[in-house]
C-alpha atoms as a PDB file:
ATOM      1  CA  MET A   1       6.501 -37.865   4.621  1.00  0.00           C
ATOM      2  CA  THR A   2       6.995 -34.230   3.623  1.00  0.00           C
ATOM      3  CA  LYS A   3      10.356 -33.289   2.157  1.00  0.00           C
ATOM      4  CA  THR A   4      11.578 -29.766   2.741  1.00  0.00           C
ATOM      5  CA  LYS A   5      13.319 -28.194  -0.221  1.00  0.00           C
ATOM      6  CA  LEU A   6      16.919 -27.264   0.471  1.00  0.00           C
ATOM      7  CA  LYS A   7      18.218 -23.994  -0.908  1.00  0.00           C
ATOM      8  CA  GLU A   8      21.783 -23.038  -1.696  1.00  0.00           C
ATOM      9  CA  TYR A   9      23.157 -20.261   0.492  1.00  0.00           C
ATOM     10  CA  ARG A  10      26.471 -18.651  -0.305  1.00  0.00           C
ATOM     11  CA  ALA A  11      28.674 -16.897   2.197  1.00  0.00           C
ATOM     12  CA  ILE A  12      31.918 -14.963   2.228  1.00  0.00           C
ATOM     13  CA  ILE A  13      33.669 -15.387   5.556  1.00  0.00           C
ATOM     14  CA  GLN A  14      35.868 -12.526   6.711  1.00  0.00           C
ATOM     15  CA  LEU A  15      39.320 -13.755   7.674  1.00  0.00           C
ATOM     16  CA  GLY A  16      41.648 -11.920  10.028  1.00  0.00           C
ATOM     17  CA  GLY A  17      39.106  -9.906  12.039  1.00  0.00           C
ATOM     18  CA  SER A  18      38.088  -6.362  11.216  1.00  0.00           C
ATOM     19  CA  ALA A  19      41.502  -5.456   9.748  1.00  0.00           C
ATOM     20  CA  GLN A  20      41.013  -7.805   6.832  1.00  0.00           C
ATOM     21  CA  THR A  21      43.798  -7.727   4.272  1.00  0.00           C
ATOM     22  CA  GLU A  22      43.018 -11.003   2.456  1.00  0.00           C
ATOM     23  CA  PRO A  23      40.018 -11.933   0.324  1.00  0.00           C
ATOM     24  CA  GLY A  24      37.268 -13.720   2.235  1.00  0.00           C
ATOM     25  CA  LEU A  25      36.740 -17.468   2.219  1.00  0.00           C
ATOM     26  CA  ARG A  26      33.829 -18.377  -0.071  1.00  0.00           C
ATOM     27  CA  VAL A  27      31.614 -21.232   1.108  1.00  0.00           C
ATOM     28  CA  THR A  28      28.284 -22.783   0.137  1.00  0.00           C
ATOM     29  CA  VAL A  29      25.809 -24.421   2.488  1.00  0.00           C
ATOM     30  CA  MET A  30      22.514 -26.201   1.767  1.00  0.00           C
ATOM     31  CA  ALA A  31      19.718 -25.326   4.208  1.00  0.00           C
ATOM     32  CA  THR A  32      15.943 -24.960   4.395  1.00  0.00           C
ATOM     33  CA  ASP A  33      16.117 -21.262   5.310  1.00  0.00           C
ATOM     34  CA  GLY A  34      18.485 -18.452   6.232  1.00  0.00           C
ATOM     35  CA  ASP A  35      18.337 -19.174   9.959  1.00  0.00           C
ATOM     36  CA  GLU A  36      19.429 -22.770   9.433  1.00  0.00           C
ATOM     37  CA  ALA A  37      22.207 -21.658   7.065  1.00  0.00           C
ATOM     38  CA  PHE A  38      23.428 -19.154   9.678  1.00  0.00           C
ATOM     39  CA  MET A  39      23.400 -21.867  12.367  1.00  0.00           C
ATOM     40  CA  LEU A  40      25.337 -24.301  10.159  1.00  0.00           C
ATOM     41  CA  LEU A  41      27.990 -21.682   9.412  1.00  0.00           C
ATOM     42  CA  GLU A  42      28.352 -20.802  13.091  1.00  0.00           C
ATOM     43  CA  GLU A  43      28.734 -24.489  13.985  1.00  0.00           C
ATOM     44  CA  LYS A  44      31.482 -24.984  11.439  1.00  0.00           C
ATOM     45  CA  HIS A  45      33.377 -21.677  11.671  1.00  0.00           C
ATOM     46  CA  GLY A  46      32.630 -20.580  15.254  1.00  0.00           C
ATOM     47  CA  LYS A  47      30.330 -18.082  16.934  1.00  0.00           C
ATOM     48  CA  GLY A  48      31.128 -14.469  16.214  1.00  0.00           C
ATOM     49  CA  THR A  49      32.513 -15.211  12.761  1.00  0.00           C
ATOM     50  CA  VAL A  50      31.851 -12.301  10.409  1.00  0.00           C
ATOM     51  CA  PHE A  51      30.289 -13.322   7.101  1.00  0.00           C
ATOM     52  CA  ASP A  52      27.969 -12.188   4.337  1.00  0.00           C
ATOM     53  CA  LEU A  53      25.227 -14.782   3.789  1.00  0.00           C
ATOM     54  CA  HIS A  54      22.712 -14.754   0.945  1.00  0.00           C
ATOM     55  CA  ASN A  55      20.488 -16.895  -1.252  1.00  0.00           C
ATOM     56  CA  GLU A  56      20.454 -15.834  -4.906  1.00  0.00           C
ATOM     57  CA  GLU A  57      16.814 -16.850  -5.451  1.00  0.00           C
ATOM     58  CA  GLU A  58      15.567 -14.888  -2.432  1.00  0.00           C
ATOM     59  CA  ALA A  59      17.729 -11.889  -3.323  1.00  0.00           C
ATOM     60  CA  ASN A  60      16.075 -11.645  -6.742  1.00  0.00           C
ATOM     61  CA  THR A  61      12.506 -11.929  -5.398  1.00  0.00           C
ATOM     62  CA  ILE A  62      10.382  -8.796  -5.572  1.00  0.00           C
ATOM     63  CA  ARG A  63       9.488  -7.626  -2.080  1.00  0.00           C
END
């Protein structure tokens, strides 16, 4: 059986719509890729939620 490596994705969820006055909610999710991480966040926090999602390892990779 092949095991897929999970990566840590970090997100800052915008609270209070576009007129945000509070700091965002910081969350971490473990997923195989960015699409899965996005899906997991939408499931938990609702569709249309505004957030910044990134993986530190991928962000530091030379493109």
